[in-house]
Amino acid sequence: MTTVSRPIVDFSEDAEGHWVAELACGHRQHVRHRPPWELRPWVLSEEGRREHLGGVLPCLLCSMPELPAGLVRYKVAGPWTETQIPPGLLRSHTLKPRVWGRIVVLEGELRYVIERSPEVSFVLTPGDAGIVLPEEPHRVEASSGTRFQVEFWHRASPQAPTT
């Protein structure tokens, strides 16, 4: 999976006072200065943020896998809260061959981890769906206040999976 870079078009603060870059694609990304892990001292000043308008950041959400054309939804599981999640979803698991998943967050946020090398994770919120590819190891991690469901998709054909 290739990470796509997008230009920064604006900045805003979240409810906790952290700076968020508004990207040209419409997605938002936190930009923090937390040494030694994240070194972005420029985000602390209005002048620094203004100088970074037009600069680019990798947008993981634009790098999310996509559902292929021609799929049909055949099942919805959930919704679950963070206390109701089936234990199997919290550890590494895969979908069947020729089955795609679509994680839909209804409330709160959910971390969707694709267990590749290197591992890739997405923080999903309402409006951002996580796409799960057939046979690809993955797991989820829920925050307090999370409610989500999983849709299962396949190609409409005689050999389509059943359940």
N, C-alpha and C. Protein backbone atom coordinates (compact mmCIF):
# COMPACT_ATOMS: atom_id res chain seq x y z
N MET A 1 0.86 -1.17 0.00
CA MET A 1 0.00 0.00 0.00
C MET A 1 0.90 1.23 0.00
N THR A 2 0.65 2.12 -0.90
CA THR A 2 1.41 3.35 -0.99
C THR A 2 0.70 4.46 -0.24
N THR A 3 1.46 5.21 0.54
CA THR A 3 0.88 6.34 1.25
C THR A 3 0.84 7.53 0.30
N VAL A 4 -0.30 8.18 0.24
CA VAL A 4 -0.52 9.32 -0.64
C VAL A 4 -0.30 10.61 0.15
N SER A 5 0.45 11.55 -0.41
CA SER A 5 0.65 12.85 0.24
C SER A 5 -0.34 13.86 -0.30
N ARG A 6 -0.86 14.71 0.60
CA ARG A 6 -1.85 15.72 0.23
C ARG A 6 -1.43 17.08 0.79
N PRO A 7 -1.71 18.17 0.09
CA PRO A 7 -1.38 19.51 0.58
C PRO A 7 -2.22 19.91 1.80
N ILE A 8 -1.61 20.68 2.67
CA ILE A 8 -2.30 21.27 3.82
C ILE A 8 -3.00 22.53 3.34
N VAL A 9 -4.31 22.63 3.61
CA VAL A 9 -5.05 23.83 3.18
C VAL A 9 -5.47 24.71 4.34
N ASP A 10 -5.45 24.18 5.57
CA ASP A 10 -5.84 24.97 6.73
C ASP A 10 -5.47 24.22 8.00
N PHE A 11 -5.60 24.89 9.14
CA PHE A 11 -5.37 24.28 10.45
C PHE A 11 -6.54 24.64 11.35
N SER A 12 -6.84 23.75 12.28
CA SER A 12 -7.85 24.02 13.30
C SER A 12 -7.42 23.30 14.57
N GLU A 13 -8.07 23.64 15.68
CA GLU A 13 -7.79 22.96 16.94
C GLU A 13 -8.91 21.99 17.24
N ASP A 14 -8.54 20.83 17.81
CA ASP A 14 -9.58 19.88 18.21
C ASP A 14 -10.09 20.26 19.60
N ALA A 15 -10.99 19.47 20.14
CA ALA A 15 -11.61 19.78 21.44
C ALA A 15 -10.60 19.80 22.58
N GLU A 16 -9.46 19.12 22.41
CA GLU A 16 -8.44 19.07 23.45
C GLU A 16 -7.33 20.10 23.23
N GLY A 17 -7.48 20.95 22.22
CA GLY A 17 -6.49 21.99 21.96
C GLY A 17 -5.29 21.54 21.13
N HIS A 18 -5.38 20.38 20.49
CA HIS A 18 -4.31 19.90 19.61
C HIS A 18 -4.56 20.41 18.20
N TRP A 19 -3.47 20.71 17.48
CA TRP A 19 -3.62 21.22 16.13
C TRP A 19 -3.88 20.09 15.14
N VAL A 20 -4.78 20.38 14.21
CA VAL A 20 -5.18 19.44 13.18
C VAL A 20 -4.98 20.11 11.82
N ALA A 21 -4.27 19.42 10.92
CA ALA A 21 -4.10 19.92 9.56
C ALA A 21 -5.30 19.49 8.74
N GLU A 22 -5.88 20.43 8.01
CA GLU A 22 -6.97 20.13 7.08
C GLU A 22 -6.31 19.91 5.72
N LEU A 23 -6.47 18.72 5.16
CA LEU A 23 -5.80 18.38 3.91
C LEU A 23 -6.71 18.63 2.71
N ALA A 24 -6.12 18.83 1.55
CA ALA A 24 -6.88 19.14 0.33
C ALA A 24 -7.88 18.05 -0.02
N CYS A 25 -7.62 16.82 0.40
CA CYS A 25 -8.53 15.71 0.09
C CYS A 25 -9.77 15.73 0.98
N GLY A 26 -9.78 16.60 2.02
CA GLY A 26 -10.91 16.67 2.93
C GLY A 26 -10.68 15.92 4.23
N HIS A 27 -9.61 15.14 4.32
CA HIS A 27 -9.30 14.44 5.56
C HIS A 27 -8.54 15.37 6.50
N ARG A 28 -8.53 15.01 7.77
CA ARG A 28 -7.86 15.80 8.80
C ARG A 28 -6.78 14.95 9.45
N GLN A 29 -5.69 15.59 9.86
CA GLN A 29 -4.60 14.87 10.51
C GLN A 29 -4.01 15.70 11.62
N HIS A 30 -3.87 15.10 12.81
CA HIS A 30 -3.22 15.81 13.90
C HIS A 30 -1.75 16.10 13.56
N VAL A 31 -1.30 17.29 13.91
CA VAL A 31 0.11 17.66 13.78
C VAL A 31 0.54 18.18 15.15
N ARG A 32 1.34 17.37 15.83
CA ARG A 32 1.73 17.70 17.20
C ARG A 32 3.23 17.84 17.30
N HIS A 33 3.63 18.61 18.29
CA HIS A 33 5.05 18.71 18.63
C HIS A 33 5.21 18.03 19.98
N ARG A 34 5.70 16.76 19.95
CA ARG A 34 5.88 15.97 21.17
C ARG A 34 7.25 15.30 21.12
N PRO A 35 8.30 16.08 21.41
CA PRO A 35 9.64 15.48 21.38
C PRO A 35 9.73 14.33 22.37
N PRO A 36 10.49 13.32 22.11
CA PRO A 36 11.32 13.09 20.93
C PRO A 36 10.59 12.37 19.80
N TRP A 37 9.28 12.04 19.96
CA TRP A 37 8.58 11.25 18.96
C TRP A 37 8.14 12.06 17.76
N GLU A 38 7.62 13.23 17.97
CA GLU A 38 7.17 14.08 16.87
C GLU A 38 7.81 15.44 17.02
N LEU A 39 8.57 15.82 16.02
CA LEU A 39 9.29 17.09 16.06
C LEU A 39 8.69 18.06 15.05
N ARG A 40 7.75 18.85 15.53
CA ARG A 40 7.09 19.85 14.69
C ARG A 40 6.94 21.15 15.48
N PRO A 41 8.04 21.80 15.85
CA PRO A 41 7.93 23.02 16.64
C PRO A 41 7.16 24.12 15.91
N TRP A 42 7.14 24.08 14.59
CA TRP A 42 6.45 25.08 13.80
C TRP A 42 4.95 25.13 14.07
N VAL A 43 4.35 24.01 14.53
CA VAL A 43 2.91 23.97 14.75
C VAL A 43 2.50 24.82 15.96
N LEU A 44 3.45 25.19 16.80
CA LEU A 44 3.15 25.94 18.02
C LEU A 44 2.87 27.41 17.78
N SER A 45 3.23 27.93 16.61
CA SER A 45 3.00 29.35 16.35
C SER A 45 2.13 29.55 15.11
N GLU A 46 1.38 30.64 15.11
CA GLU A 46 0.54 30.96 13.95
C GLU A 46 1.40 31.15 12.71
N GLU A 47 2.54 31.80 12.88
CA GLU A 47 3.44 32.02 11.74
C GLU A 47 3.95 30.69 11.19
N GLY A 48 4.33 29.77 12.07
CA GLY A 48 4.82 28.46 11.63
C GLY A 48 3.76 27.68 10.86
N ARG A 49 2.54 27.71 11.37
CA ARG A 49 1.45 27.02 10.67
C ARG A 49 1.19 27.67 9.31
N ARG A 50 1.19 29.00 9.26
CA ARG A 50 0.96 29.71 8.00
C ARG A 50 2.03 29.35 6.98
N GLU A 51 3.29 29.23 7.43
CA GLU A 51 4.39 28.88 6.51
C GLU A 51 4.25 27.46 5.95
N HIS A 52 3.50 26.59 6.65
CA HIS A 52 3.34 25.22 6.19
C HIS A 52 2.08 24.99 5.36
N LEU A 53 1.27 26.03 5.18
CA LEU A 53 0.14 25.90 4.26
C LEU A 53 0.67 25.57 2.87
N GLY A 54 0.11 24.60 2.21
CA GLY A 54 0.59 24.17 0.90
C GLY A 54 1.63 23.06 0.99
N GLY A 55 2.23 22.89 2.17
CA GLY A 55 3.13 21.76 2.37
C GLY A 55 2.32 20.47 2.35
N VAL A 56 2.98 19.35 2.24
CA VAL A 56 2.24 18.09 2.14
C VAL A 56 2.47 17.20 3.36
N LEU A 57 1.45 16.40 3.65
CA LEU A 57 1.52 15.38 4.69
C LEU A 57 0.99 14.07 4.11
N PRO A 58 1.51 12.95 4.57
CA PRO A 58 0.94 11.68 4.11
C PRO A 58 -0.48 11.53 4.65
N CYS A 59 -1.41 11.12 3.81
CA CYS A 59 -2.80 10.91 4.23
C CYS A 59 -3.09 9.41 4.22
N LEU A 60 -3.09 8.82 5.41
CA LEU A 60 -3.36 7.39 5.50
C LEU A 60 -4.76 7.04 5.02
N LEU A 61 -5.73 7.92 5.29
CA LEU A 61 -7.10 7.61 4.86
C LEU A 61 -7.22 7.56 3.34
N CYS A 62 -6.44 8.36 2.64
CA CYS A 62 -6.44 8.26 1.18
C CYS A 62 -5.75 6.98 0.72
N SER A 63 -4.97 6.37 1.62
CA SER A 63 -4.27 5.13 1.31
C SER A 63 -5.08 3.90 1.71
N MET A 64 -6.28 4.10 2.23
CA MET A 64 -7.14 3.00 2.65
C MET A 64 -7.47 2.13 1.44
N PRO A 65 -7.43 0.80 1.59
CA PRO A 65 -7.89 -0.04 0.48
C PRO A 65 -9.32 0.32 0.10
N GLU A 66 -9.72 -0.04 -1.11
CA GLU A 66 -11.07 0.26 -1.58
C GLU A 66 -11.81 -1.01 -1.93
N LEU A 67 -13.14 -0.95 -1.84
CA LEU A 67 -13.95 -2.07 -2.30
C LEU A 67 -13.94 -2.07 -3.82
N PRO A 68 -13.69 -3.21 -4.44
CA PRO A 68 -13.75 -3.27 -5.91
C PRO A 68 -15.18 -3.04 -6.41
N ALA A 69 -15.31 -2.59 -7.62
CA ALA A 69 -16.62 -2.41 -8.24
C ALA A 69 -17.28 -3.77 -8.40
N GLY A 70 -18.60 -3.80 -8.35
CA GLY A 70 -19.34 -5.02 -8.61
C GLY A 70 -19.59 -5.90 -7.40
N LEU A 71 -19.21 -5.43 -6.21
CA LEU A 71 -19.49 -6.22 -5.01
C LEU A 71 -20.89 -5.93 -4.50
N VAL A 72 -21.45 -6.89 -3.77
CA VAL A 72 -22.74 -6.70 -3.11
C VAL A 72 -22.58 -7.02 -1.63
N ARG A 73 -23.28 -6.27 -0.82
CA ARG A 73 -23.26 -6.52 0.62
C ARG A 73 -24.20 -7.69 0.91
N TYR A 74 -23.69 -8.68 1.66
CA TYR A 74 -24.52 -9.84 1.95
C TYR A 74 -24.78 -10.05 3.43
N LYS A 75 -24.09 -9.30 4.30
CA LYS A 75 -24.29 -9.51 5.73
C LYS A 75 -23.77 -8.29 6.49
N VAL A 76 -24.42 -7.99 7.61
CA VAL A 76 -23.94 -6.94 8.53
C VAL A 76 -23.87 -7.56 9.92
N ALA A 77 -22.74 -7.41 10.57
CA ALA A 77 -22.55 -7.92 11.94
C ALA A 77 -22.41 -6.74 12.88
N GLY A 78 -23.01 -6.85 14.06
CA GLY A 78 -23.01 -5.75 15.00
C GLY A 78 -24.36 -5.05 14.95
N PRO A 79 -24.44 -3.88 15.51
CA PRO A 79 -23.34 -3.07 16.06
C PRO A 79 -22.89 -3.57 17.44
N TRP A 80 -21.62 -3.21 17.75
CA TRP A 80 -21.02 -3.53 19.03
C TRP A 80 -20.48 -2.26 19.67
N THR A 81 -20.42 -2.26 20.99
CA THR A 81 -19.72 -1.20 21.73
C THR A 81 -18.37 -1.77 22.13
N GLU A 82 -17.55 -0.93 22.75
CA GLU A 82 -16.21 -1.39 23.14
C GLU A 82 -16.26 -2.54 24.14
N THR A 83 -17.36 -2.69 24.87
CA THR A 83 -17.47 -3.79 25.84
C THR A 83 -18.12 -5.04 25.25
N GLN A 84 -18.66 -4.94 24.03
CA GLN A 84 -19.36 -6.06 23.41
C GLN A 84 -18.61 -6.68 22.23
N ILE A 85 -17.44 -6.19 21.91
CA ILE A 85 -16.72 -6.66 20.73
C ILE A 85 -16.39 -8.15 20.87
N PRO A 86 -16.71 -8.95 19.88
CA PRO A 86 -16.29 -10.35 19.92
C PRO A 86 -14.76 -10.42 20.05
N PRO A 87 -14.26 -11.25 20.97
CA PRO A 87 -12.81 -11.31 21.22
C PRO A 87 -11.97 -11.57 19.97
N GLY A 88 -12.52 -12.31 19.01
CA GLY A 88 -11.77 -12.61 17.79
C GLY A 88 -11.41 -11.38 16.97
N LEU A 89 -12.22 -10.32 17.08
CA LEU A 89 -11.93 -9.09 16.32
C LEU A 89 -10.75 -8.32 16.92
N LEU A 90 -10.46 -8.57 18.20
CA LEU A 90 -9.39 -7.85 18.89
C LEU A 90 -8.02 -8.47 18.67
N ARG A 91 -7.98 -9.66 18.10
CA ARG A 91 -6.69 -10.31 17.80
C ARG A 91 -6.60 -10.55 16.29
N SER A 92 -5.45 -10.90 15.84
CA SER A 92 -5.23 -11.11 14.41
C SER A 92 -6.20 -12.14 13.85
N HIS A 93 -6.86 -11.77 12.75
CA HIS A 93 -7.76 -12.67 12.05
C HIS A 93 -7.86 -12.24 10.60
N THR A 94 -8.45 -13.08 9.77
CA THR A 94 -8.61 -12.77 8.35
C THR A 94 -10.05 -13.05 7.92
N LEU A 95 -10.41 -12.50 6.78
CA LEU A 95 -11.69 -12.83 6.15
C LEU A 95 -11.46 -13.99 5.18
N LYS A 96 -12.54 -14.62 4.78
CA LYS A 96 -12.47 -15.73 3.83
C LYS A 96 -11.98 -15.24 2.48
N PRO A 97 -11.51 -16.16 1.62
CA PRO A 97 -11.18 -15.76 0.25
C PRO A 97 -12.42 -15.16 -0.42
N ARG A 98 -12.22 -14.16 -1.23
CA ARG A 98 -13.28 -13.49 -2.00
C ARG A 98 -14.30 -12.77 -1.14
N VAL A 99 -13.96 -12.46 0.12
CA VAL A 99 -14.84 -11.69 1.01
C VAL A 99 -14.10 -10.44 1.44
N TRP A 100 -14.76 -9.29 1.30
CA TRP A 100 -14.24 -8.01 1.74
C TRP A 100 -15.05 -7.55 2.94
N GLY A 101 -14.46 -6.75 3.78
CA GLY A 101 -15.17 -6.18 4.92
C GLY A 101 -15.17 -4.67 4.85
N ARG A 102 -16.17 -4.07 5.45
CA ARG A 102 -16.25 -2.61 5.54
C ARG A 102 -16.62 -2.29 6.98
N ILE A 103 -15.65 -1.72 7.72
CA ILE A 103 -15.86 -1.36 9.12
C ILE A 103 -16.50 0.02 9.16
N VAL A 104 -17.67 0.11 9.80
CA VAL A 104 -18.41 1.36 9.86
C VAL A 104 -18.53 1.80 11.31
N VAL A 105 -17.90 2.92 11.65
CA VAL A 105 -17.97 3.46 13.00
C VAL A 105 -19.21 4.33 13.10
N LEU A 106 -20.05 4.01 14.08
CA LEU A 106 -21.29 4.76 14.28
C LEU A 106 -21.13 5.86 15.33
N GLU A 107 -20.27 5.61 16.33
CA GLU A 107 -19.97 6.59 17.38
C GLU A 107 -18.54 6.37 17.86
N GLY A 108 -17.91 7.45 18.29
CA GLY A 108 -16.56 7.35 18.85
C GLY A 108 -15.51 7.10 17.79
N GLU A 109 -14.46 6.37 18.18
CA GLU A 109 -13.40 6.06 17.23
C GLU A 109 -12.90 4.64 17.46
N LEU A 110 -12.35 4.07 16.40
CA LEU A 110 -11.88 2.69 16.41
C LEU A 110 -10.56 2.65 15.66
N ARG A 111 -9.58 1.97 16.22
CA ARG A 111 -8.30 1.80 15.53
C ARG A 111 -8.37 0.50 14.75
N TYR A 112 -8.14 0.59 13.45
CA TYR A 112 -8.13 -0.56 12.53
C TYR A 112 -6.69 -0.79 12.14
N VAL A 113 -6.16 -1.97 12.44
CA VAL A 113 -4.76 -2.29 12.19
C VAL A 113 -4.66 -3.36 11.12
N ILE A 114 -3.95 -3.06 10.04
CA ILE A 114 -3.65 -4.03 8.99
C ILE A 114 -2.26 -4.57 9.31
N GLU A 115 -2.18 -5.87 9.54
CA GLU A 115 -0.93 -6.48 10.01
C GLU A 115 -0.04 -6.87 8.84
N ARG A 116 0.51 -5.84 8.21
CA ARG A 116 1.48 -6.01 7.12
C ARG A 116 2.86 -5.74 7.67
N SER A 117 3.83 -5.78 6.81
CA SER A 117 5.18 -5.40 7.20
C SER A 117 5.59 -4.22 6.32
N PRO A 118 5.62 -3.01 6.84
CA PRO A 118 5.32 -2.63 8.20
C PRO A 118 3.80 -2.57 8.45
N GLU A 119 3.43 -2.67 9.71
CA GLU A 119 2.03 -2.59 10.11
C GLU A 119 1.47 -1.21 9.78
N VAL A 120 0.19 -1.16 9.38
CA VAL A 120 -0.47 0.09 9.04
C VAL A 120 -1.73 0.20 9.90
N SER A 121 -1.96 1.38 10.48
CA SER A 121 -3.18 1.53 11.28
C SER A 121 -3.91 2.81 10.90
N PHE A 122 -5.21 2.79 11.09
CA PHE A 122 -6.09 3.90 10.77
C PHE A 122 -6.98 4.15 11.98
N VAL A 123 -7.17 5.40 12.35
CA VAL A 123 -8.15 5.74 13.37
C VAL A 123 -9.43 6.12 12.63
N LEU A 124 -10.43 5.28 12.78
CA LEU A 124 -11.70 5.48 12.08
C LEU A 124 -12.69 6.20 12.98
N THR A 125 -13.39 7.16 12.42
CA THR A 125 -14.45 7.89 13.11
C THR A 125 -15.69 7.83 12.23
N PRO A 126 -16.85 8.25 12.72
CA PRO A 126 -18.03 8.24 11.85
C PRO A 126 -17.74 8.98 10.54
N GLY A 127 -18.05 8.36 9.43
CA GLY A 127 -17.78 8.95 8.12
C GLY A 127 -16.55 8.39 7.45
N ASP A 128 -15.67 7.70 8.20
CA ASP A 128 -14.47 7.08 7.63
C ASP A 128 -14.60 5.57 7.75
N ALA A 129 -14.81 4.88 6.64
CA ALA A 129 -14.95 3.42 6.69
C ALA A 129 -13.58 2.77 6.52
N GLY A 130 -13.39 1.65 7.21
CA GLY A 130 -12.18 0.86 7.07
C GLY A 130 -12.48 -0.33 6.16
N ILE A 131 -11.66 -0.51 5.13
CA ILE A 131 -11.88 -1.59 4.18
C ILE A 131 -10.91 -2.73 4.49
N VAL A 132 -11.46 -3.93 4.62
CA VAL A 132 -10.68 -5.12 4.93
C VAL A 132 -10.62 -5.99 3.69
N LEU A 133 -9.41 -6.32 3.27
CA LEU A 133 -9.22 -7.15 2.08
C LEU A 133 -9.32 -8.64 2.43
N PRO A 134 -9.71 -9.47 1.47
CA PRO A 134 -9.79 -10.91 1.72
C PRO A 134 -8.44 -11.46 2.19
N GLU A 135 -8.48 -12.32 3.18
CA GLU A 135 -7.33 -13.07 3.67
C GLU A 135 -6.18 -12.21 4.21
N GLU A 136 -6.42 -10.93 4.49
CA GLU A 136 -5.36 -10.06 5.01
C GLU A 136 -5.48 -9.97 6.53
N PRO A 137 -4.43 -10.35 7.27
CA PRO A 137 -4.50 -10.29 8.74
C PRO A 137 -4.73 -8.86 9.24
N HIS A 138 -5.64 -8.74 10.20
CA HIS A 138 -5.99 -7.43 10.74
C HIS A 138 -6.61 -7.61 12.12
N ARG A 139 -6.80 -6.50 12.82
CA ARG A 139 -7.49 -6.49 14.11
C ARG A 139 -8.03 -5.09 14.35
N VAL A 140 -8.87 -4.95 15.40
CA VAL A 140 -9.37 -3.63 15.78
C VAL A 140 -9.08 -3.39 17.26
N GLU A 141 -9.04 -2.12 17.61
CA GLU A 141 -8.86 -1.69 19.01
C GLU A 141 -9.85 -0.56 19.23
N ALA A 142 -10.72 -0.71 20.23
CA ALA A 142 -11.78 0.27 20.46
C ALA A 142 -11.47 1.19 21.62
N SER A 143 -11.94 2.41 21.52
CA SER A 143 -11.86 3.40 22.60
C SER A 143 -13.18 3.41 23.33
N SER A 144 -13.20 4.01 24.49
CA SER A 144 -14.44 4.17 25.25
C SER A 144 -15.43 4.99 24.43
N GLY A 145 -16.67 4.58 24.40
CA GLY A 145 -17.70 5.31 23.66
C GLY A 145 -17.81 4.89 22.21
N THR A 146 -17.11 3.84 21.82
CA THR A 146 -17.15 3.37 20.44
C THR A 146 -18.37 2.49 20.20
N ARG A 147 -18.95 2.65 19.03
CA ARG A 147 -20.01 1.76 18.55
C ARG A 147 -19.77 1.59 17.06
N PHE A 148 -19.68 0.33 16.60
CA PHE A 148 -19.38 0.08 15.19
C PHE A 148 -20.03 -1.22 14.73
N GLN A 149 -20.04 -1.39 13.41
CA GLN A 149 -20.52 -2.63 12.80
C GLN A 149 -19.61 -2.98 11.64
N VAL A 150 -19.73 -4.21 11.17
CA VAL A 150 -18.92 -4.67 10.03
C VAL A 150 -19.86 -5.20 8.96
N GLU A 151 -19.68 -4.68 7.76
CA GLU A 151 -20.43 -5.16 6.59
C GLU A 151 -19.54 -6.15 5.84
N PHE A 152 -20.13 -7.19 5.29
CA PHE A 152 -19.40 -8.18 4.51
C PHE A 152 -19.87 -8.12 3.06
N TRP A 153 -18.93 -8.10 2.15
CA TRP A 153 -19.20 -7.91 0.72
C TRP A 153 -18.57 -9.04 -0.09
N HIS A 154 -19.18 -9.39 -1.21
CA HIS A 154 -18.63 -10.39 -2.13
C HIS A 154 -19.16 -10.09 -3.54
N ARG A 155 -18.58 -10.78 -4.49
CA ARG A 155 -19.07 -10.66 -5.86
C ARG A 155 -20.33 -11.50 -5.99
N ALA A 156 -21.32 -10.99 -6.68
CA ALA A 156 -22.56 -11.74 -6.90
C ALA A 156 -22.28 -12.82 -7.94
N SER A 157 -22.11 -14.07 -7.48
CA SER A 157 -21.81 -15.18 -8.38
C SER A 157 -22.21 -16.47 -7.70
N PRO A 158 -22.32 -17.57 -8.46
CA PRO A 158 -22.72 -18.86 -7.88
C PRO A 158 -21.76 -19.34 -6.80
N GLN A 159 -20.47 -18.99 -6.86
CA GLN A 159 -19.51 -19.47 -5.87
C GLN A 159 -19.31 -18.46 -4.73
N ALA A 160 -20.21 -17.50 -4.59
CA ALA A 160 -20.10 -16.50 -3.53
C ALA A 160 -20.24 -17.18 -2.17
N PRO A 161 -19.54 -16.63 -1.16
CA PRO A 161 -19.61 -17.23 0.18
C PRO A 161 -21.01 -17.11 0.77
N THR A 162 -21.31 -17.99 1.67
CA THR A 162 -22.59 -17.95 2.37
C THR A 162 -22.36 -17.90 3.87
N THR A 163 -23.29 -17.39 4.60
CA THR A 163 -23.35 -17.39 6.06
C THR A 163 -24.50 -16.56 6.50
